[in-house]
Amino acid sequence: PVIEFLSRVSHFMTDVTDHFSGIGVAIRSEVTGQKNGKPARSCSTLVHENTAIAAGCGTGSVAQLLISEQLYKPGVWVVEQALPTPLFEQTLTERSVKVQQHVEEIDQA
């Protein structure tokens, strides 16, 4: 009963705040590692006006690739291991989803 109550309150509050803040999503990742043997940082940013559509584009892309047999990876895999990045980027481009990326070397001063 408590969880159901909190769920209803949360849903009600979302209905109220959506009118002011919208239903969009912004995602930013920052990864540090090495590129060409040198320390580097990669930043990626995705902004979309509708969270549900943005989430559906990723899922729909994988489904499309499986149905068209462009992706075939028997067994159980996490999507990052099963799907090559260039192929995923291609499907996002087809759906007009833009991910801004920036890679820079990190100074070791």
PDB file of N, CA and C in Angstrom:
ATOM      1  N   PRO A   1       0.802  -1.210   0.000  1.00  0.00           N
ATOM      2  CA  PRO A   1       0.000   0.000   0.000  1.00  0.00           C
ATOM      3  C   PRO A   1       0.843   1.271   0.000  1.00  0.00           C
ATOM      4  N   VAL A   2       1.965   1.288   0.748  1.00  0.00           N
ATOM      5  CA  VAL A   2       2.803   2.482   0.805  1.00  0.00           C
ATOM      6  C   VAL A   2       3.442   2.737  -0.555  1.00  0.00           C
ATOM      7  N   ILE A   3       3.952   1.687  -1.175  1.00  0.00           N
ATOM      8  CA  ILE A   3       4.597   1.841  -2.477  1.00  0.00           C
ATOM      9  C   ILE A   3       3.583   2.308  -3.513  1.00  0.00           C
ATOM     10  N   GLU A   4       2.389   1.744  -3.479  1.00  0.00           N
ATOM     11  CA  GLU A   4       1.347   2.164  -4.417  1.00  0.00           C
ATOM     12  C   GLU A   4       0.995   3.636  -4.198  1.00  0.00           C
ATOM     13  N   PHE A   5       0.886   4.051  -2.944  1.00  0.00           N
ATOM     14  CA  PHE A   5       0.590   5.449  -2.626  1.00  0.00           C
ATOM     15  C   PHE A   5       1.684   6.362  -3.175  1.00  0.00           C
ATOM     16  N   LEU A   6       2.948   6.016  -2.915  1.00  0.00           N
ATOM     17  CA  LEU A   6       4.064   6.829  -3.394  1.00  0.00           C
ATOM     18  C   LEU A   6       4.095   6.873  -4.915  1.00  0.00           C
ATOM     19  N   SER A   7       3.770   5.769  -5.551  1.00  0.00           N
ATOM     20  CA  SER A   7       3.723   5.726  -7.005  1.00  0.00           C
ATOM     21  C   SER A   7       2.667   6.683  -7.543  1.00  0.00           C
ATOM     22  N   ARG A   8       1.503   6.683  -6.924  1.00  0.00           N
ATOM     23  CA  ARG A   8       0.418   7.579  -7.362  1.00  0.00           C
ATOM     24  C   ARG A   8       0.792   9.046  -7.146  1.00  0.00           C
ATOM     25  N   VAL A   9       1.394   9.352  -6.006  1.00  0.00           N
ATOM     26  CA  VAL A   9       1.814  10.728  -5.733  1.00  0.00           C
ATOM     27  C   VAL A   9       2.868  11.157  -6.745  1.00  0.00           C
ATOM     28  N   SER A  10       3.831  10.276  -7.009  1.00  0.00           N
ATOM     29  CA  SER A  10       4.883  10.578  -7.973  1.00  0.00           C
ATOM     30  C   SER A  10       4.300  10.837  -9.356  1.00  0.00           C
ATOM     31  N   HIS A  11       3.360  10.009  -9.772  1.00  0.00           N
ATOM     32  CA  HIS A  11       2.730  10.186 -11.086  1.00  0.00           C
ATOM     33  C   HIS A  11       1.971  11.507 -11.137  1.00  0.00           C
ATOM     34  N   PHE A  12       1.253  11.830 -10.072  1.00  0.00           N
ATOM     35  CA  PHE A  12       0.521  13.094 -10.011  1.00  0.00           C
ATOM     36  C   PHE A  12       1.484  14.273 -10.121  1.00  0.00           C
ATOM     37  N   MET A  13       2.588  14.224  -9.389  1.00  0.00           N
ATOM     38  CA  MET A  13       3.567  15.316  -9.422  1.00  0.00           C
ATOM     39  C   MET A  13       4.185  15.456 -10.807  1.00  0.00           C
ATOM     40  N   THR A  14       4.427  14.339 -11.470  1.00  0.00           N
ATOM     41  CA  THR A  14       4.958  14.387 -12.829  1.00  0.00           C
ATOM     42  C   THR A  14       3.960  15.048 -13.766  1.00  0.00           C
ATOM     43  N   ASP A  15       2.685  14.735 -13.610  1.00  0.00           N
ATOM     44  CA  ASP A  15       1.657  15.381 -14.431  1.00  0.00           C
ATOM     45  C   ASP A  15       1.669  16.893 -14.236  1.00  0.00           C
ATOM     46  N   VAL A  16       1.944  17.337 -13.028  1.00  0.00           N
ATOM     47  CA  VAL A  16       1.991  18.772 -12.739  1.00  0.00           C
ATOM     48  C   VAL A  16       3.258  19.397 -13.326  1.00  0.00           C
ATOM     49  N   THR A  17       4.417  18.798 -13.053  1.00  0.00           N
ATOM     50  CA  THR A  17       5.685  19.405 -13.467  1.00  0.00           C
ATOM     51  C   THR A  17       5.939  19.315 -14.959  1.00  0.00           C
ATOM     52  N   ASP A  18       5.385  18.322 -15.648  1.00  0.00           N
ATOM     53  CA  ASP A  18       5.595  18.196 -17.093  1.00  0.00           C
ATOM     54  C   ASP A  18       5.166  19.448 -17.842  1.00  0.00           C
ATOM     55  N   HIS A  19       4.150  20.136 -17.358  1.00  0.00           N
ATOM     56  CA  HIS A  19       3.669  21.345 -18.027  1.00  0.00           C
ATOM     57  C   HIS A  19       4.697  22.468 -17.953  1.00  0.00           C
ATOM     58  N   PHE A  20       5.554  22.440 -16.947  1.00  0.00           N
ATOM     59  CA  PHE A  20       6.557  23.481 -16.772  1.00  0.00           C
ATOM     60  C   PHE A  20       7.916  23.078 -17.335  1.00  0.00           C
ATOM     61  N   SER A  21       8.294  21.848 -17.103  1.00  0.00           N
ATOM     62  CA  SER A  21       9.644  21.412 -17.484  1.00  0.00           C
ATOM     63  C   SER A  21       9.681  20.600 -18.768  1.00  0.00           C
ATOM     64  N   GLY A  22       8.544  20.122 -19.236  1.00  0.00           N
ATOM     65  CA  GLY A  22       8.516  19.316 -20.448  1.00  0.00           C
ATOM     66  C   GLY A  22       8.786  17.853 -20.162  1.00  0.00           C
ATOM     67  N   ILE A  23       8.811  17.072 -21.226  1.00  0.00           N
ATOM     68  CA  ILE A  23       9.009  15.626 -21.084  1.00  0.00           C
ATOM     69  C   ILE A  23      10.289  15.172 -21.770  1.00  0.00           C
ATOM     70  N   GLY A  24      11.186  16.121 -22.001  1.00  0.00           N
ATOM     71  CA  GLY A  24      12.420  15.816 -22.701  1.00  0.00           C
ATOM     72  C   GLY A  24      13.460  15.147 -21.821  1.00  0.00           C
ATOM     73  N   VAL A  25      14.586  14.848 -22.459  1.00  0.00           N
ATOM     74  CA  VAL A  25      15.683  14.188 -21.767  1.00  0.00           C
ATOM     75  C   VAL A  25      17.000  14.789 -22.250  1.00  0.00           C
ATOM     76  N   ALA A  26      17.952  14.873 -21.344  1.00  0.00           N
ATOM     77  CA  ALA A  26      19.315  15.269 -21.685  1.00  0.00           C
ATOM     78  C   ALA A  26      20.248  14.268 -21.009  1.00  0.00           C
ATOM     79  N   ILE A  27      21.156  13.712 -21.789  1.00  0.00           N
ATOM     80  CA  ILE A  27      22.101  12.718 -21.272  1.00  0.00           C
ATOM     81  C   ILE A  27      23.506  13.164 -21.655  1.00  0.00           C
ATOM     82  N   ARG A  28      24.405  13.135 -20.697  1.00  0.00           N
ATOM     83  CA  ARG A  28      25.799  13.477 -20.978  1.00  0.00           C
ATOM     84  C   ARG A  28      26.680  12.425 -20.323  1.00  0.00           C
ATOM     85  N   SER A  29      27.657  11.970 -21.077  1.00  0.00           N
ATOM     86  CA  SER A  29      28.630  11.035 -20.509  1.00  0.00           C
ATOM     87  C   SER A  29      30.026  11.606 -20.711  1.00  0.00           C
ATOM     88  N   GLU A  30      30.885  11.336 -19.757  1.00  0.00           N
ATOM     89  CA  GLU A  30      32.279  11.736 -19.857  1.00  0.00           C
ATOM     90  C   GLU A  30      33.123  10.532 -19.472  1.00  0.00           C
ATOM     91  N   VAL A  31      33.983  10.117 -20.382  1.00  0.00           N
ATOM     92  CA  VAL A  31      34.800   8.926 -20.177  1.00  0.00           C
ATOM     93  C   VAL A  31      36.260   9.311 -20.351  1.00  0.00           C
ATOM     94  N   THR A  32      37.092   8.895 -19.419  1.00  0.00           N
ATOM     95  CA  THR A  32      38.527   9.111 -19.561  1.00  0.00           C
ATOM     96  C   THR A  32      39.202   7.769 -19.797  1.00  0.00           C
ATOM     97  N   GLY A  33      40.242   7.811 -20.585  1.00  0.00           N
ATOM     98  CA  GLY A  33      40.977   6.597 -20.913  1.00  0.00           C
ATOM     99  C   GLY A  33      42.177   6.955 -21.755  1.00  0.00           C
ATOM    100  N   GLN A  34      42.482   6.112 -22.730  1.00  0.00           N
ATOM    101  CA  GLN A  34      43.602   6.365 -23.617  1.00  0.00           C
ATOM    102  C   GLN A  34      43.163   6.298 -25.064  1.00  0.00           C
ATOM    103  N   LYS A  35      43.756   7.170 -25.877  1.00  0.00           N
ATOM    104  CA  LYS A  35      43.568   7.131 -27.321  1.00  0.00           C
ATOM    105  C   LYS A  35      44.951   7.271 -27.937  1.00  0.00           C
ATOM    106  N   ASN A  36      45.297   6.314 -28.766  1.00  0.00           N
ATOM    107  CA  ASN A  36      46.625   6.278 -29.379  1.00  0.00           C
ATOM    108  C   ASN A  36      47.729   6.308 -28.319  1.00  0.00           C
ATOM    109  N   GLY A  37      47.485   5.630 -27.196  1.00  0.00           N
ATOM    110  CA  GLY A  37      48.487   5.523 -26.147  1.00  0.00           C
ATOM    111  C   GLY A  37      48.626   6.744 -25.258  1.00  0.00           C
ATOM    112  N   LYS A  38      47.766   7.756 -25.453  1.00  0.00           N
ATOM    113  CA  LYS A  38      47.851   8.977 -24.654  1.00  0.00           C
ATOM    114  C   LYS A  38      46.554   9.172 -23.876  1.00  0.00           C
ATOM    115  N   PRO A  39      46.640   9.782 -22.680  1.00  0.00           N
ATOM    116  CA  PRO A  39      45.423  10.032 -21.906  1.00  0.00           C
ATOM    117  C   PRO A  39      44.446  10.910 -22.697  1.00  0.00           C
ATOM    118  N   ALA A  40      43.168  10.546 -22.654  1.00  0.00           N
ATOM    119  CA  ALA A  40      42.161  11.294 -23.405  1.00  0.00           C
ATOM    120  C   ALA A  40      40.831  11.292 -22.657  1.00  0.00           C
ATOM    121  N   ARG A  41      39.984  12.243 -23.047  1.00  0.00           N
ATOM    122  CA  ARG A  41      38.634  12.356 -22.480  1.00  0.00           C
ATOM    123  C   ARG A  41      37.649  12.432 -23.645  1.00  0.00           C
ATOM    124  N   SER A  42      36.575  11.668 -23.535  1.00  0.00           N
ATOM    125  CA  SER A  42      35.513  11.687 -24.542  1.00  0.00           C
ATOM    126  C   SER A  42      34.214  12.123 -23.869  1.00  0.00           C
ATOM    127  N   CYS A  43      33.563  13.127 -24.441  1.00  0.00           N
ATOM    128  CA  CYS A  43      32.275  13.604 -23.925  1.00  0.00           C
ATOM    129  C   CYS A  43      31.214  13.408 -25.001  1.00  0.00           C
ATOM    130  N   SER A  44      30.081  12.852 -24.614  1.00  0.00           N
ATOM    131  CA  SER A  44      28.950  12.651 -25.523  1.00  0.00           C
ATOM    132  C   SER A  44      27.712  13.269 -24.887  1.00  0.00           C
ATOM    133  N   THR A  45      26.905  13.940 -25.709  1.00  0.00           N
ATOM    134  CA  THR A  45      25.690  14.587 -25.221  1.00  0.00           C
ATOM    135  C   THR A  45      24.541  14.291 -26.163  1.00  0.00           C
ATOM    136  N   LEU A  46      23.412  13.896 -25.593  1.00  0.00           N
ATOM    137  CA  LEU A  46      22.185  13.669 -26.350  1.00  0.00           C
ATOM    138  C   LEU A  46      21.089  14.500 -25.702  1.00  0.00           C
ATOM    139  N   VAL A  47      20.375  15.271 -26.514  1.00  0.00           N
ATOM    140  CA  VAL A  47      19.233  16.045 -26.037  1.00  0.00           C
ATOM    141  C   VAL A  47      18.065  15.730 -26.955  1.00  0.00           C
ATOM    142  N   HIS A  48      16.921  15.382 -26.375  1.00  0.00           N
ATOM    143  CA  HIS A  48      15.719  15.084 -27.176  1.00  0.00           C
ATOM    144  C   HIS A  48      14.512  15.636 -26.444  1.00  0.00           C
ATOM    145  N   GLU A  49      13.549  16.134 -27.193  1.00  0.00           N
ATOM    146  CA  GLU A  49      12.378  16.761 -26.571  1.00  0.00           C
ATOM    147  C   GLU A  49      11.392  15.766 -25.965  1.00  0.00           C
ATOM    148  N   ASN A  50      11.555  14.474 -26.278  1.00  0.00           N
ATOM    149  CA  ASN A  50      10.613  13.485 -25.766  1.00  0.00           C
ATOM    150  C   ASN A  50      11.377  12.250 -25.287  1.00  0.00           C
ATOM    151  N   THR A  51      11.347  12.005 -23.991  1.00  0.00           N
ATOM    152  CA  THR A  51      12.086  10.893 -23.392  1.00  0.00           C
ATOM    153  C   THR A  51      11.665   9.546 -23.971  1.00  0.00           C
ATOM    154  N   ALA A  52      10.367   9.341 -24.133  1.00  0.00           N
ATOM    155  CA  ALA A  52       9.872   8.049 -24.628  1.00  0.00           C
ATOM    156  C   ALA A  52      10.351   7.779 -26.049  1.00  0.00           C
ATOM    157  N   ILE A  53      10.332   8.798 -26.889  1.00  0.00           N
ATOM    158  CA  ILE A  53      10.795   8.614 -28.268  1.00  0.00           C
ATOM    159  C   ILE A  53      12.291   8.324 -28.289  1.00  0.00           C
ATOM    160  N   ALA A  54      13.058   9.049 -27.495  1.00  0.00           N
ATOM    161  CA  ALA A  54      14.508   8.819 -27.449  1.00  0.00           C
ATOM    162  C   ALA A  54      14.824   7.397 -27.000  1.00  0.00           C
ATOM    163  N   ALA A  55      14.140   6.923 -25.980  1.00  0.00           N
ATOM    164  CA  ALA A  55      14.360   5.554 -25.501  1.00  0.00           C
ATOM    165  C   ALA A  55      13.933   4.541 -26.549  1.00  0.00           C
ATOM    166  N   GLY A  56      12.824   4.806 -27.208  1.00  0.00           N
ATOM    167  CA  GLY A  56      12.326   3.896 -28.240  1.00  0.00           C
ATOM    168  C   GLY A  56      13.237   3.814 -29.449  1.00  0.00           C
ATOM    169  N   CYS A  57      13.939   4.900 -29.750  1.00  0.00           N
ATOM    170  CA  CYS A  57      14.861   4.878 -30.894  1.00  0.00           C
ATOM    171  C   CYS A  57      15.984   3.876 -30.679  1.00  0.00           C
ATOM    172  N   GLY A  58      16.511   3.820 -29.480  1.00  0.00           N
ATOM    173  CA  GLY A  58      17.572   2.851 -29.193  1.00  0.00           C
ATOM    174  C   GLY A  58      17.073   1.430 -29.282  1.00  0.00           C
ATOM    175  N   THR A  59      15.963   1.155 -28.634  1.00  0.00           N
ATOM    176  CA  THR A  59      15.381  -0.187 -28.649  1.00  0.00           C
ATOM    177  C   THR A  59      14.939  -0.571 -30.050  1.00  0.00           C
ATOM    178  N   GLY A  60      14.288   0.363 -30.733  1.00  0.00           N
ATOM    179  CA  GLY A  60      13.823   0.101 -32.095  1.00  0.00           C
ATOM    180  C   GLY A  60      14.966  -0.152 -33.060  1.00  0.00           C
ATOM    181  N   SER A  61      16.082   0.528 -32.840  1.00  0.00           N
ATOM    182  CA  SER A  61      17.254   0.324 -33.698  1.00  0.00           C
ATOM    183  C   SER A  61      17.768  -1.104 -33.597  1.00  0.00           C
ATOM    184  N   VAL A  62      17.862  -1.605 -32.375  1.00  0.00           N
ATOM    185  CA  VAL A  62      18.331  -2.981 -32.179  1.00  0.00           C
ATOM    186  C   VAL A  62      17.350  -3.962 -32.812  1.00  0.00           C
ATOM    187  N   ALA A  63      16.054  -3.745 -32.613  1.00  0.00           N
ATOM    188  CA  ALA A  63      15.039  -4.629 -33.205  1.00  0.00           C
ATOM    189  C   ALA A  63      15.130  -4.619 -34.728  1.00  0.00           C
ATOM    190  N   GLN A  64      15.279  -3.442 -35.308  1.00  0.00           N
ATOM    191  CA  GLN A  64      15.395  -3.324 -36.766  1.00  0.00           C
ATOM    192  C   GLN A  64      16.605  -4.096 -37.281  1.00  0.00           C
ATOM    193  N   LEU A  65      17.728  -3.965 -36.601  1.00  0.00           N
ATOM    194  CA  LEU A  65      18.948  -4.648 -37.033  1.00  0.00           C
ATOM    195  C   LEU A  65      18.817  -6.164 -36.920  1.00  0.00           C
ATOM    196  N   LEU A  66      18.138  -6.641 -35.885  1.00  0.00           N
ATOM    197  CA  LEU A  66      17.918  -8.084 -35.741  1.00  0.00           C
ATOM    198  C   LEU A  66      17.000  -8.612 -36.840  1.00  0.00           C
ATOM    199  N   ILE A  67      15.905  -7.902 -37.098  1.00  0.00           N
ATOM    200  CA  ILE A  67      14.941  -8.342 -38.115  1.00  0.00           C
ATOM    201  C   ILE A  67      15.563  -8.333 -39.503  1.00  0.00           C
ATOM    202  N   SER A  68      16.371  -7.306 -39.795  1.00  0.00           N
ATOM    203  CA  SER A  68      16.997  -7.206 -41.121  1.00  0.00           C
ATOM    204  C   SER A  68      18.250  -8.071 -41.234  1.00  0.00           C
ATOM    205  N   GLU A  69      18.589  -8.770 -40.158  1.00  0.00           N
ATOM    206  CA  GLU A  69      19.758  -9.652 -40.090  1.00  0.00           C
ATOM    207  C   GLU A  69      21.083  -8.916 -40.278  1.00  0.00           C
ATOM    208  N   GLN A  70      21.093  -7.613 -39.991  1.00  0.00           N
ATOM    209  CA  GLN A  70      22.347  -6.865 -39.983  1.00  0.00           C
ATOM    210  C   GLN A  70      23.101  -7.103 -38.674  1.00  0.00           C
ATOM    211  N   LEU A  71      22.375  -7.574 -37.676  1.00  0.00           N
ATOM    212  CA  LEU A  71      22.968  -7.900 -36.384  1.00  0.00           C
ATOM    213  C   LEU A  71      22.603  -9.336 -36.055  1.00  0.00           C
ATOM    214  N   TYR A  72      23.621 -10.150 -35.873  1.00  0.00           N
ATOM    215  CA  TYR A  72      23.393 -11.551 -35.519  1.00  0.00           C
ATOM    216  C   TYR A  72      24.430 -11.924 -34.482  1.00  0.00           C
ATOM    217  N   LYS A  73      24.000 -12.092 -33.277  1.00  0.00           N
ATOM    218  CA  LYS A  73      24.912 -12.415 -32.182  1.00  0.00           C
ATOM    219  C   LYS A  73      24.202 -13.426 -31.291  1.00  0.00           C
ATOM    220  N   PRO A  74      24.351 -14.725 -31.577  1.00  0.00           N
ATOM    221  CA  PRO A  74      23.664 -15.738 -30.766  1.00  0.00           C
ATOM    222  C   PRO A  74      24.106 -15.684 -29.305  1.00  0.00           C
ATOM    223  N   GLY A  75      23.207 -16.049 -28.432  1.00  0.00           N
ATOM    224  CA  GLY A  75      23.522 -16.069 -27.010  1.00  0.00           C
ATOM    225  C   GLY A  75      22.983 -14.844 -26.307  1.00  0.00           C
ATOM    226  N   VAL A  76      23.449 -14.641 -25.107  1.00  0.00           N
ATOM    227  CA  VAL A  76      23.014 -13.508 -24.297  1.00  0.00           C
ATOM    228  C   VAL A  76      24.179 -12.533 -24.168  1.00  0.00           C
ATOM    229  N   TRP A  77      23.959 -11.316 -24.603  1.00  0.00           N
ATOM    230  CA  TRP A  77      24.996 -10.291 -24.603  1.00  0.00           C
ATOM    231  C   TRP A  77      24.417  -8.981 -24.082  1.00  0.00           C
ATOM    232  N   VAL A  78      25.251  -8.163 -23.477  1.00  0.00           N
ATOM    233  CA  VAL A  78      24.835  -6.786 -23.210  1.00  0.00           C
ATOM    234  C   VAL A  78      24.944  -6.046 -24.534  1.00  0.00           C
ATOM    235  N   VAL A  79      24.094  -5.061 -24.730  1.00  0.00           N
ATOM    236  CA  VAL A  79      24.010  -4.403 -26.030  1.00  0.00           C
ATOM    237  C   VAL A  79      25.349  -3.787 -26.442  1.00  0.00           C
ATOM    238  N   GLU A  80      26.130  -3.308 -25.485  1.00  0.00           N
ATOM    239  CA  GLU A  80      27.415  -2.691 -25.806  1.00  0.00           C
ATOM    240  C   GLU A  80      28.397  -3.686 -26.421  1.00  0.00           C
ATOM    241  N   GLN A  81      28.257  -4.968 -26.084  1.00  0.00           N
ATOM    242  CA  GLN A  81      29.141  -5.985 -26.651  1.00  0.00           C
ATOM    243  C   GLN A  81      28.605  -6.532 -27.965  1.00  0.00           C
ATOM    244  N   ALA A  82      27.308  -6.562 -28.117  1.00  0.00           N
ATOM    245  CA  ALA A  82      26.707  -7.177 -29.302  1.00  0.00           C
ATOM    246  C   ALA A  82      26.647  -6.235 -30.493  1.00  0.00           C
ATOM    247  N   LEU A  83      26.511  -4.959 -30.243  1.00  0.00           N
ATOM    248  CA  LEU A  83      26.246  -3.997 -31.312  1.00  0.00           C
ATOM    249  C   LEU A  83      27.451  -3.098 -31.556  1.00  0.00           C
ATOM    250  N   PRO A  84      28.056  -3.176 -32.746  1.00  0.00           N
ATOM    251  CA  PRO A  84      29.182  -2.291 -33.059  1.00  0.00           C
ATOM    252  C   PRO A  84      28.726  -0.824 -33.058  1.00  0.00           C
ATOM    253  N   THR A  85      29.531   0.038 -32.476  1.00  0.00           N
ATOM    254  CA  THR A  85      29.170   1.452 -32.362  1.00  0.00           C
ATOM    255  C   THR A  85      28.825   2.091 -33.702  1.00  0.00           C
ATOM    256  N   PRO A  86      29.613   1.898 -34.776  1.00  0.00           N
ATOM    257  CA  PRO A  86      29.254   2.536 -36.049  1.00  0.00           C
ATOM    258  C   PRO A  86      27.871   2.118 -36.563  1.00  0.00           C
ATOM    259  N   LEU A  87      27.500   0.872 -36.361  1.00  0.00           N
ATOM    260  CA  LEU A  87      26.187   0.397 -36.800  1.00  0.00           C
ATOM    261  C   LEU A  87      25.077   1.064 -35.984  1.00  0.00           C
ATOM    262  N   PHE A  88      25.279   1.202 -34.680  1.00  0.00           N
ATOM    263  CA  PHE A  88      24.293   1.878 -33.834  1.00  0.00           C
ATOM    264  C   PHE A  88      24.180   3.352 -34.213  1.00  0.00           C
ATOM    265  N   GLU A  89      25.312   4.006 -34.450  1.00  0.00           N
ATOM    266  CA  GLU A  89      25.297   5.415 -34.855  1.00  0.00           C
ATOM    267  C   GLU A  89      24.544   5.593 -36.170  1.00  0.00           C
ATOM    268  N   GLN A  90      24.701   4.640 -37.084  1.00  0.00           N
ATOM    269  CA  GLN A  90      23.991   4.695 -38.367  1.00  0.00           C
ATOM    270  C   GLN A  90      22.478   4.671 -38.152  1.00  0.00           C
ATOM    271  N   THR A  91      22.005   3.801 -37.275  1.00  0.00           N
ATOM    272  CA  THR A  91      20.558   3.716 -37.045  1.00  0.00           C
ATOM    273  C   THR A  91      20.032   4.972 -36.355  1.00  0.00           C
ATOM    274  N   LEU A  92      20.827   5.574 -35.481  1.00  0.00           N
ATOM    275  CA  LEU A  92      20.396   6.822 -34.847  1.00  0.00           C
ATOM    276  C   LEU A  92      20.313   7.943 -35.873  1.00  0.00           C
ATOM    277  N   THR A  93      21.265   7.985 -36.794  1.00  0.00           N
ATOM    278  CA  THR A  93      21.227   8.985 -37.861  1.00  0.00           C
ATOM    279  C   THR A  93      19.977   8.814 -38.707  1.00  0.00           C
ATOM    280  N   GLU A  94      19.627   7.569 -39.023  1.00  0.00           N
ATOM    281  CA  GLU A  94      18.411   7.306 -39.797  1.00  0.00           C
ATOM    282  C   GLU A  94      17.168   7.801 -39.072  1.00  0.00           C
ATOM    283  N   ARG A  95      17.213   7.870 -37.762  1.00  0.00           N
ATOM    284  CA  ARG A  95      16.066   8.324 -36.960  1.00  0.00           C
ATOM    285  C   ARG A  95      16.207   9.792 -36.549  1.00  0.00           C
ATOM    286  N   SER A  96      17.180  10.480 -37.105  1.00  0.00           N
ATOM    287  CA  SER A  96      17.436  11.906 -36.827  1.00  0.00           C
ATOM    288  C   SER A  96      17.731  12.182 -35.353  1.00  0.00           C
ATOM    289  N   VAL A  97      18.350  11.224 -34.683  1.00  0.00           N
ATOM    290  CA  VAL A  97      18.791  11.424 -33.302  1.00  0.00           C
ATOM    291  C   VAL A  97      20.261  11.815 -33.361  1.00  0.00           C
ATOM    292  N   LYS A  98      20.568  12.986 -32.811  1.00  0.00           N
ATOM    293  CA  LYS A  98      21.935  13.493 -32.880  1.00  0.00           C
ATOM    294  C   LYS A  98      22.623  13.358 -31.527  1.00  0.00           C
ATOM    295  N   VAL A  99      23.802  12.768 -31.553  1.00  0.00           N
ATOM    296  CA  VAL A  99      24.643  12.667 -30.363  1.00  0.00           C
ATOM    297  C   VAL A  99      25.898  13.473 -30.654  1.00  0.00           C
ATOM    298  N   GLN A 100      26.111  14.521 -29.870  1.00  0.00           N
ATOM    299  CA  GLN A 100      27.313  15.331 -30.047  1.00  0.00           C
ATOM    300  C   GLN A 100      28.458  14.657 -29.304  1.00  0.00           C
ATOM    301  N   GLN A 101      29.605  14.548 -29.987  1.00  0.00           N
ATOM    302  CA  GLN A 101      30.760  13.894 -29.375  1.00  0.00           C
ATOM    303  C   GLN A 101      31.986  14.783 -29.508  1.00  0.00           C
ATOM    304  N   HIS A 102      32.805  14.748 -28.474  1.00  0.00           N
ATOM    305  CA  HIS A 102      34.040  15.519 -28.469  1.00  0.00           C
ATOM    306  C   HIS A 102      35.109  14.686 -27.763  1.00  0.00           C
ATOM    307  N   VAL A 103      36.244  14.485 -28.430  1.00  0.00           N
ATOM    308  CA  VAL A 103      37.359  13.741 -27.846  1.00  0.00           C
ATOM    309  C   VAL A 103      38.558  14.679 -27.790  1.00  0.00           C
ATOM    310  N   GLU A 104      39.217  14.709 -26.629  1.00  0.00           N
ATOM    311  CA  GLU A 104      40.389  15.569 -26.486  1.00  0.00           C
ATOM    312  C   GLU A 104      41.473  14.851 -25.696  1.00  0.00           C
ATOM    313  N   GLU A 105      42.708  15.171 -26.017  1.00  0.00           N
ATOM    314  CA  GLU A 105      43.822  14.640 -25.241  1.00  0.00           C
ATOM    315  C   GLU A 105      43.905  15.398 -23.924  1.00  0.00           C
ATOM    316  N   ILE A 106      44.331  14.706 -22.877  1.00  0.00           N
ATOM    317  CA  ILE A 106      44.469  15.316 -21.555  1.00  0.00           C
ATOM    318  C   ILE A 106      45.944  15.591 -21.312  1.00  0.00           C
ATOM    319  N   ASP A 107      46.256  16.828 -20.965  1.00  0.00           N
ATOM    320  CA  ASP A 107      47.643  17.179 -20.650  1.00  0.00           C
ATOM    321  C   ASP A 107      48.059  16.536 -19.338  1.00  0.00           C
ATOM    322  N   GLN A 108      49.258  16.001 -19.311  1.00  0.00           N
ATOM    323  CA  GLN A 108      49.813  15.379 -18.106  1.00  0.00           C
ATOM    324  C   GLN A 108      50.806  16.335 -17.452  1.00  0.00           C
ATOM    325  N   ALA A 109      50.388  17.554 -17.193  1.00  0.00           N
ATOM    326  CA  ALA A 109      51.289  18.567 -16.619  1.00  0.00           C
ATOM    327  C   ALA A 109      51.390  18.468 -15.123  1.00  0.00           C
TER     328      ALA A 109
END
